[in-house]
Amino acid sequence: MIDWLAKGGDRMTRHKKRPPRKKRPQPSPRAEAIPWTRSAVTSEADTSETGDPYLTIIDEQWDNILMMYNLFADKGPVMLYEVRSQKIFAYPYRGFKADLNQQSQAILERQYEYAQANNQMVLFVRDSEKQVFRSYVLDLERKSEGTNEH
C-alpha cells in the first residue's frame, strides 16, 4: 500500500507504508552534499546513443512519478527522484530553484518555462553514489525532451 504525504510546508513526498522501526535522522534532500556546479547540456540524440541509465530508471518509475506529479499539478511542481533511496519528491518551483547555484537556476528557469508552456514536467534525478544531478524535461503523456547535467 502506498501512503501519500505532504511534509515540511514546501516539501511533498511519497512513502510506502512499512512496519514501524527506530527512526534515524535523515538529511533533507536539499542538504546533501552533491556537486551542484557541474553543468553540461546533453541533447536527446547524445542520451539515446550512450544508453542513459537514468532514462531506464525513469521508465521503471514513470507511473509513480506521474502519480506524484498529478497530486500537485495545480502548483506546477519540480520533481526529484532520488536513486539511492528510491523516493520521489515534488517541490515548489521557487523553493527548489533557490537551492541551486546561479548557473543551474538559469537552466531550470528555461526548462521550467518551456515545460509549463508545453504540458511537460521538469524531473531531476539525483544519484548520490555517482554524484550525478541531472534534469529532464518530460512530456506528461510520455517522456523525454532531453537532459541537462548540473
N, C-alpha and C. Protein backbone atom coordinates (compact mmCIF):
# COMPACT_ATOMS: atom_id res chain seq x y z
N MET A 1 0.83 -1.17 0.00
CA MET A 1 0.00 0.00 0.00
C MET A 1 0.89 1.25 0.00
N ILE A 2 0.49 2.24 -0.74
CA ILE A 2 1.26 3.48 -0.82
C ILE A 2 0.51 4.57 -0.08
N ASP A 3 1.23 5.31 0.74
CA ASP A 3 0.66 6.40 1.51
C ASP A 3 1.27 7.69 1.00
N TRP A 4 0.45 8.64 0.57
CA TRP A 4 0.95 9.91 0.04
C TRP A 4 0.91 10.94 1.15
N LEU A 5 2.01 11.62 1.35
CA LEU A 5 2.10 12.61 2.42
C LEU A 5 2.66 13.92 1.88
N ALA A 6 2.23 15.01 2.48
CA ALA A 6 2.86 16.31 2.23
C ALA A 6 3.59 16.66 3.50
N LYS A 7 4.88 16.96 3.39
CA LYS A 7 5.70 17.23 4.57
C LYS A 7 6.36 18.58 4.48
N GLY A 8 6.64 19.15 5.62
CA GLY A 8 7.51 20.31 5.76
C GLY A 8 7.10 21.54 4.98
N GLY A 9 5.83 21.81 4.82
CA GLY A 9 5.40 23.04 4.18
C GLY A 9 5.65 23.07 2.68
N ASP A 10 6.91 23.05 2.26
CA ASP A 10 7.19 23.15 0.83
C ASP A 10 7.72 21.86 0.25
N ARG A 11 7.78 20.79 1.04
CA ARG A 11 8.29 19.52 0.54
C ARG A 11 7.17 18.49 0.56
N MET A 12 6.98 17.82 -0.56
CA MET A 12 5.95 16.80 -0.67
C MET A 12 6.63 15.51 -1.09
N THR A 13 6.21 14.39 -0.51
CA THR A 13 6.90 13.14 -0.82
C THR A 13 5.95 11.96 -0.77
N ARG A 14 6.40 10.83 -1.31
CA ARG A 14 5.63 9.59 -1.33
C ARG A 14 6.39 8.58 -0.50
N HIS A 15 5.66 7.87 0.35
CA HIS A 15 6.27 6.82 1.16
C HIS A 15 5.45 5.55 1.08
N LYS A 16 6.12 4.42 1.05
CA LYS A 16 5.42 3.14 1.18
C LYS A 16 5.25 2.88 2.67
N LYS A 17 4.09 2.35 3.07
CA LYS A 17 3.88 2.01 4.47
C LYS A 17 4.74 0.82 4.83
N ARG A 18 5.45 0.96 5.91
CA ARG A 18 6.32 -0.11 6.39
C ARG A 18 6.05 -0.31 7.87
N PRO A 19 6.47 -1.47 8.38
CA PRO A 19 6.32 -1.66 9.82
C PRO A 19 7.16 -0.62 10.56
N PRO A 20 6.69 -0.16 11.73
CA PRO A 20 7.45 0.85 12.46
C PRO A 20 8.83 0.33 12.84
N ARG A 21 9.82 1.21 12.75
CA ARG A 21 11.16 0.88 13.20
C ARG A 21 11.77 2.13 13.79
N LYS A 22 12.90 1.94 14.44
CA LYS A 22 13.55 3.04 15.10
C LYS A 22 13.91 4.12 14.08
N LYS A 23 13.53 5.37 14.37
CA LYS A 23 13.78 6.47 13.45
C LYS A 23 15.21 6.95 13.60
N ARG A 24 15.85 7.13 12.44
CA ARG A 24 17.18 7.72 12.39
C ARG A 24 17.05 9.07 11.72
N PRO A 25 17.82 10.06 12.16
CA PRO A 25 17.73 11.36 11.49
C PRO A 25 18.15 11.24 10.03
N GLN A 26 17.34 11.78 9.14
CA GLN A 26 17.62 11.76 7.71
C GLN A 26 17.90 13.17 7.23
N PRO A 27 18.95 13.36 6.43
CA PRO A 27 19.20 14.70 5.91
C PRO A 27 18.13 15.09 4.89
N SER A 28 17.86 16.36 4.82
CA SER A 28 16.95 16.88 3.82
C SER A 28 17.56 16.61 2.45
N PRO A 29 16.73 16.30 1.42
CA PRO A 29 17.28 16.07 0.09
C PRO A 29 18.08 17.27 -0.41
N ARG A 30 17.70 18.47 0.02
CA ARG A 30 18.40 19.67 -0.43
C ARG A 30 19.69 19.89 0.35
N ALA A 31 19.87 19.19 1.48
CA ALA A 31 21.03 19.41 2.32
C ALA A 31 22.18 18.47 1.99
N GLU A 32 21.94 17.45 1.17
CA GLU A 32 23.00 16.50 0.85
C GLU A 32 24.12 17.18 0.08
N ALA A 33 25.33 16.71 0.31
CA ALA A 33 26.50 17.29 -0.36
C ALA A 33 26.61 16.73 -1.77
N ILE A 34 26.00 17.38 -2.71
CA ILE A 34 26.03 16.99 -4.12
C ILE A 34 26.70 18.13 -4.88
N PRO A 35 27.61 17.83 -5.79
CA PRO A 35 28.24 18.92 -6.54
C PRO A 35 27.23 19.57 -7.49
N TRP A 36 26.79 20.76 -7.17
CA TRP A 36 25.76 21.46 -7.96
C TRP A 36 26.40 22.31 -9.05
N THR A 37 27.72 22.35 -9.12
CA THR A 37 28.36 23.29 -10.02
C THR A 37 28.63 22.75 -11.41
N ARG A 38 28.66 21.43 -11.60
CA ARG A 38 28.90 20.88 -12.94
C ARG A 38 27.72 21.19 -13.83
N SER A 39 27.97 21.55 -15.05
CA SER A 39 26.88 21.82 -15.97
C SER A 39 27.31 21.49 -17.39
N ALA A 40 26.61 20.57 -17.99
CA ALA A 40 26.87 20.23 -19.39
C ALA A 40 25.54 19.88 -20.03
N VAL A 41 25.24 20.46 -21.16
CA VAL A 41 23.99 20.20 -21.84
C VAL A 41 24.17 18.99 -22.74
N THR A 42 23.24 18.06 -22.64
CA THR A 42 23.28 16.84 -23.45
C THR A 42 22.02 16.80 -24.30
N SER A 43 22.17 16.58 -25.57
CA SER A 43 20.99 16.52 -26.44
C SER A 43 20.33 15.15 -26.32
N GLU A 44 19.09 15.07 -26.80
CA GLU A 44 18.37 13.81 -26.76
C GLU A 44 19.10 12.72 -27.55
N ALA A 45 19.68 13.09 -28.70
CA ALA A 45 20.42 12.12 -29.51
C ALA A 45 21.61 11.58 -28.74
N ASP A 46 22.36 12.46 -28.07
CA ASP A 46 23.50 12.01 -27.28
C ASP A 46 23.06 11.03 -26.20
N THR A 47 21.93 11.32 -25.58
CA THR A 47 21.43 10.49 -24.49
C THR A 47 21.07 9.09 -24.99
N SER A 48 20.37 9.00 -26.12
CA SER A 48 19.95 7.69 -26.60
C SER A 48 21.14 6.86 -27.08
N GLU A 49 22.15 7.51 -27.65
CA GLU A 49 23.32 6.79 -28.13
C GLU A 49 24.13 6.21 -26.98
N THR A 50 24.22 6.93 -25.87
CA THR A 50 25.02 6.48 -24.74
C THR A 50 24.23 5.54 -23.83
N GLY A 51 22.95 5.38 -24.07
CA GLY A 51 22.13 4.50 -23.24
C GLY A 51 22.03 5.01 -21.82
N ASP A 52 21.55 6.24 -21.66
CA ASP A 52 21.41 6.88 -20.35
C ASP A 52 20.69 5.95 -19.37
N PRO A 53 21.38 5.48 -18.31
CA PRO A 53 20.76 4.55 -17.38
C PRO A 53 19.62 5.19 -16.59
N TYR A 54 19.62 6.51 -16.49
CA TYR A 54 18.56 7.19 -15.74
C TYR A 54 17.24 7.20 -16.51
N LEU A 55 17.31 7.15 -17.83
CA LEU A 55 16.07 7.03 -18.61
C LEU A 55 15.40 5.69 -18.34
N THR A 56 16.18 4.65 -18.14
CA THR A 56 15.64 3.33 -17.79
C THR A 56 14.95 3.40 -16.43
N ILE A 57 15.60 4.07 -15.47
CA ILE A 57 15.01 4.22 -14.14
C ILE A 57 13.72 5.03 -14.22
N ILE A 58 13.74 6.09 -15.01
CA ILE A 58 12.53 6.91 -15.18
C ILE A 58 11.41 6.06 -15.77
N ASP A 59 11.72 5.24 -16.78
CA ASP A 59 10.72 4.34 -17.36
C ASP A 59 10.12 3.42 -16.31
N GLU A 60 10.98 2.85 -15.48
CA GLU A 60 10.51 1.92 -14.44
C GLU A 60 9.63 2.61 -13.41
N GLN A 61 9.92 3.86 -13.11
CA GLN A 61 9.20 4.60 -12.07
C GLN A 61 8.16 5.57 -12.63
N TRP A 62 7.95 5.56 -13.94
CA TRP A 62 7.12 6.57 -14.58
C TRP A 62 5.74 6.68 -13.96
N ASP A 63 5.05 5.58 -13.73
CA ASP A 63 3.70 5.64 -13.18
C ASP A 63 3.70 6.32 -11.81
N ASN A 64 4.68 6.02 -10.98
CA ASN A 64 4.77 6.63 -9.66
C ASN A 64 5.12 8.12 -9.76
N ILE A 65 6.05 8.46 -10.65
CA ILE A 65 6.43 9.86 -10.85
C ILE A 65 5.23 10.66 -11.32
N LEU A 66 4.51 10.13 -12.30
CA LEU A 66 3.35 10.83 -12.85
C LEU A 66 2.25 10.96 -11.80
N MET A 67 2.03 9.91 -11.02
CA MET A 67 1.01 9.96 -9.97
C MET A 67 1.34 11.06 -8.95
N MET A 68 2.61 11.13 -8.56
CA MET A 68 3.04 12.15 -7.61
C MET A 68 2.91 13.54 -8.22
N TYR A 69 3.31 13.69 -9.47
CA TYR A 69 3.18 14.98 -10.15
C TYR A 69 1.72 15.42 -10.18
N ASN A 70 0.83 14.50 -10.54
CA ASN A 70 -0.58 14.84 -10.67
C ASN A 70 -1.22 15.26 -9.35
N LEU A 71 -0.69 14.77 -8.23
CA LEU A 71 -1.21 15.19 -6.92
C LEU A 71 -1.00 16.69 -6.69
N PHE A 72 0.06 17.23 -7.26
CA PHE A 72 0.41 18.63 -7.04
C PHE A 72 0.48 19.42 -8.34
N ALA A 73 -0.11 18.90 -9.41
CA ALA A 73 -0.01 19.52 -10.73
C ALA A 73 -0.48 20.97 -10.74
N ASP A 74 -1.49 21.29 -9.96
CA ASP A 74 -2.00 22.66 -9.93
C ASP A 74 -0.98 23.65 -9.38
N LYS A 75 0.05 23.15 -8.68
CA LYS A 75 1.10 24.01 -8.13
C LYS A 75 2.34 24.04 -9.02
N GLY A 76 2.33 23.29 -10.12
CA GLY A 76 3.46 23.27 -11.05
C GLY A 76 4.76 22.84 -10.40
N PRO A 77 4.79 21.64 -9.82
CA PRO A 77 5.99 21.23 -9.07
C PRO A 77 7.18 20.89 -9.97
N VAL A 78 8.36 20.97 -9.36
CA VAL A 78 9.57 20.42 -9.94
C VAL A 78 9.76 19.08 -9.24
N MET A 79 9.95 18.02 -10.02
CA MET A 79 10.05 16.69 -9.46
C MET A 79 11.51 16.29 -9.24
N LEU A 80 11.72 15.47 -8.22
CA LEU A 80 13.06 14.94 -7.93
C LEU A 80 12.93 13.47 -7.61
N TYR A 81 13.74 12.65 -8.27
CA TYR A 81 13.81 11.22 -7.97
C TYR A 81 15.20 10.94 -7.41
N GLU A 82 15.23 10.37 -6.21
CA GLU A 82 16.50 10.01 -5.58
C GLU A 82 16.74 8.53 -5.84
N VAL A 83 17.82 8.24 -6.55
CA VAL A 83 18.12 6.87 -6.96
C VAL A 83 18.38 5.97 -5.76
N ARG A 84 19.22 6.43 -4.85
CA ARG A 84 19.62 5.58 -3.72
C ARG A 84 18.45 5.22 -2.82
N SER A 85 17.64 6.19 -2.45
CA SER A 85 16.52 5.93 -1.55
C SER A 85 15.26 5.51 -2.30
N GLN A 86 15.24 5.66 -3.62
CA GLN A 86 14.10 5.36 -4.48
C GLN A 86 12.86 6.14 -4.05
N LYS A 87 13.07 7.41 -3.68
CA LYS A 87 11.96 8.27 -3.28
C LYS A 87 11.71 9.32 -4.34
N ILE A 88 10.45 9.71 -4.41
CA ILE A 88 10.01 10.74 -5.36
C ILE A 88 9.56 11.94 -4.54
N PHE A 89 10.07 13.12 -4.92
CA PHE A 89 9.71 14.34 -4.23
C PHE A 89 9.11 15.32 -5.22
N ALA A 90 8.16 16.13 -4.75
CA ALA A 90 7.60 17.22 -5.54
C ALA A 90 7.88 18.51 -4.78
N TYR A 91 8.55 19.45 -5.44
CA TYR A 91 8.93 20.71 -4.79
C TYR A 91 8.28 21.89 -5.51
N PRO A 92 7.94 22.92 -4.77
CA PRO A 92 7.52 24.15 -5.44
C PRO A 92 8.70 24.71 -6.24
N TYR A 93 8.41 25.23 -7.41
CA TYR A 93 9.45 25.72 -8.32
C TYR A 93 10.37 26.74 -7.64
N ARG A 94 9.81 27.77 -7.02
CA ARG A 94 10.64 28.83 -6.44
C ARG A 94 11.56 28.31 -5.34
N GLY A 95 11.05 27.45 -4.48
CA GLY A 95 11.87 26.91 -3.40
C GLY A 95 13.00 26.03 -3.92
N PHE A 96 12.70 25.22 -4.92
CA PHE A 96 13.72 24.33 -5.50
C PHE A 96 14.79 25.16 -6.20
N LYS A 97 14.34 26.14 -6.98
CA LYS A 97 15.27 26.99 -7.72
C LYS A 97 16.21 27.73 -6.77
N ALA A 98 15.69 28.19 -5.65
CA ALA A 98 16.50 28.97 -4.70
C ALA A 98 17.66 28.15 -4.13
N ASP A 99 17.54 26.82 -4.13
CA ASP A 99 18.59 25.96 -3.58
C ASP A 99 19.69 25.63 -4.59
N LEU A 100 19.54 26.08 -5.83
CA LEU A 100 20.53 25.79 -6.86
C LEU A 100 21.53 26.94 -7.01
N ASN A 101 22.68 26.64 -7.61
CA ASN A 101 23.62 27.71 -7.91
C ASN A 101 23.08 28.53 -9.08
N GLN A 102 23.71 29.66 -9.36
CA GLN A 102 23.21 30.60 -10.36
C GLN A 102 23.10 29.99 -11.75
N GLN A 103 24.09 29.22 -12.16
CA GLN A 103 24.06 28.60 -13.49
C GLN A 103 22.92 27.58 -13.59
N SER A 104 22.76 26.76 -12.57
CA SER A 104 21.68 25.77 -12.57
C SER A 104 20.31 26.44 -12.48
N GLN A 105 20.23 27.58 -11.78
CA GLN A 105 18.97 28.32 -11.73
C GLN A 105 18.55 28.78 -13.12
N ALA A 106 19.50 29.27 -13.90
CA ALA A 106 19.20 29.74 -15.25
C ALA A 106 18.72 28.59 -16.14
N ILE A 107 19.36 27.43 -16.02
CA ILE A 107 18.95 26.26 -16.79
C ILE A 107 17.55 25.82 -16.38
N LEU A 108 17.30 25.74 -15.06
CA LEU A 108 15.98 25.34 -14.57
C LEU A 108 14.92 26.32 -15.04
N GLU A 109 15.21 27.61 -14.99
CA GLU A 109 14.23 28.61 -15.40
C GLU A 109 13.80 28.39 -16.85
N ARG A 110 14.78 28.17 -17.74
CA ARG A 110 14.45 27.91 -19.16
C ARG A 110 13.64 26.63 -19.30
N GLN A 111 14.08 25.56 -18.63
CA GLN A 111 13.38 24.27 -18.73
C GLN A 111 11.96 24.38 -18.18
N TYR A 112 11.81 25.03 -17.05
CA TYR A 112 10.51 25.13 -16.39
C TYR A 112 9.52 25.92 -17.24
N GLU A 113 9.97 27.06 -17.77
CA GLU A 113 9.09 27.87 -18.63
C GLU A 113 8.67 27.07 -19.86
N TYR A 114 9.61 26.36 -20.47
CA TYR A 114 9.30 25.53 -21.63
C TYR A 114 8.30 24.43 -21.26
N ALA A 115 8.57 23.76 -20.13
CA ALA A 115 7.70 22.67 -19.69
C ALA A 115 6.28 23.15 -19.41
N GLN A 116 6.15 24.29 -18.73
CA GLN A 116 4.83 24.81 -18.41
C GLN A 116 4.05 25.18 -19.67
N ALA A 117 4.74 25.70 -20.67
CA ALA A 117 4.09 26.11 -21.92
C ALA A 117 3.70 24.92 -22.79
N ASN A 118 4.32 23.75 -22.54
CA ASN A 118 4.12 22.60 -23.43
C ASN A 118 3.58 21.35 -22.74
N ASN A 119 2.88 21.54 -21.63
CA ASN A 119 2.28 20.42 -20.88
C ASN A 119 3.32 19.35 -20.56
N GLN A 120 4.43 19.79 -19.97
CA GLN A 120 5.52 18.89 -19.61
C GLN A 120 5.94 19.15 -18.17
N MET A 121 6.83 18.30 -17.65
CA MET A 121 7.35 18.49 -16.31
C MET A 121 8.86 18.48 -16.33
N VAL A 122 9.44 19.10 -15.30
CA VAL A 122 10.89 19.04 -15.11
C VAL A 122 11.13 18.02 -14.00
N LEU A 123 11.96 17.03 -14.30
CA LEU A 123 12.30 15.99 -13.34
C LEU A 123 13.81 15.98 -13.15
N PHE A 124 14.24 16.05 -11.91
CA PHE A 124 15.65 15.90 -11.59
C PHE A 124 15.88 14.49 -11.07
N VAL A 125 16.99 13.92 -11.44
CA VAL A 125 17.40 12.62 -10.91
C VAL A 125 18.70 12.86 -10.16
N ARG A 126 18.72 12.43 -8.90
CA ARG A 126 19.93 12.58 -8.08
C ARG A 126 20.44 11.18 -7.74
N ASP A 127 21.68 10.93 -8.12
CA ASP A 127 22.36 9.69 -7.78
C ASP A 127 23.56 10.09 -6.93
N SER A 128 23.40 10.02 -5.61
CA SER A 128 24.46 10.50 -4.71
C SER A 128 25.69 9.59 -4.75
N GLU A 129 25.52 8.32 -5.08
CA GLU A 129 26.68 7.42 -5.16
C GLU A 129 27.59 7.79 -6.31
N LYS A 130 27.01 8.16 -7.44
CA LYS A 130 27.80 8.53 -8.62
C LYS A 130 27.98 10.04 -8.75
N GLN A 131 27.46 10.77 -7.79
CA GLN A 131 27.50 12.23 -7.77
C GLN A 131 26.94 12.82 -9.06
N VAL A 132 25.74 12.38 -9.42
CA VAL A 132 25.06 12.86 -10.62
C VAL A 132 23.79 13.57 -10.18
N PHE A 133 23.58 14.73 -10.74
CA PHE A 133 22.36 15.50 -10.53
C PHE A 133 21.95 16.00 -11.90
N ARG A 134 20.94 15.38 -12.49
CA ARG A 134 20.60 15.58 -13.90
C ARG A 134 19.12 15.95 -14.01
N SER A 135 18.82 16.85 -14.93
CA SER A 135 17.43 17.25 -15.13
C SER A 135 16.92 16.78 -16.48
N TYR A 136 15.62 16.52 -16.52
CA TYR A 136 14.94 16.08 -17.74
C TYR A 136 13.67 16.89 -17.90
N VAL A 137 13.31 17.19 -19.12
CA VAL A 137 12.01 17.77 -19.43
C VAL A 137 11.21 16.65 -20.06
N LEU A 138 10.11 16.28 -19.40
CA LEU A 138 9.36 15.09 -19.82
C LEU A 138 7.94 15.44 -20.19
N ASP A 139 7.49 14.87 -21.28
CA ASP A 139 6.13 15.03 -21.74
C ASP A 139 5.21 14.32 -20.76
N LEU A 140 4.16 14.97 -20.32
CA LEU A 140 3.26 14.35 -19.35
C LEU A 140 2.52 13.16 -19.93
N GLU A 141 2.35 13.13 -21.23
CA GLU A 141 1.72 11.98 -21.87
C GLU A 141 2.70 10.81 -21.92
N ARG A 142 3.92 11.10 -22.21
CA ARG A 142 5.03 10.15 -22.14
C ARG A 142 6.29 10.95 -21.95
N LYS A 143 7.45 10.43 -22.21
CA LYS A 143 8.66 11.07 -21.77
C LYS A 143 9.51 11.64 -22.86
N SER A 144 10.50 12.40 -22.41
CA SER A 144 11.82 12.71 -22.91
C SER A 144 11.96 13.77 -23.96
N GLU A 145 12.41 14.88 -23.49
CA GLU A 145 12.78 16.01 -24.33
C GLU A 145 14.25 16.33 -24.21
N GLY A 146 15.00 15.58 -23.44
CA GLY A 146 16.43 15.85 -23.31
C GLY A 146 16.84 16.01 -21.87
N THR A 147 18.14 16.17 -21.66
CA THR A 147 18.66 16.22 -20.31
C THR A 147 19.64 17.36 -20.13
N ASN A 148 19.86 17.69 -18.90
CA ASN A 148 20.92 18.60 -18.52
C ASN A 148 21.57 18.03 -17.29
N GLU A 149 22.88 18.04 -17.26
CA GLU A 149 23.60 17.57 -16.09
C GLU A 149 24.14 18.78 -15.37
N HIS A 150 23.90 18.85 -14.06
CA HIS A 150 24.30 20.01 -13.27
C HIS A 150 25.47 19.65 -12.39
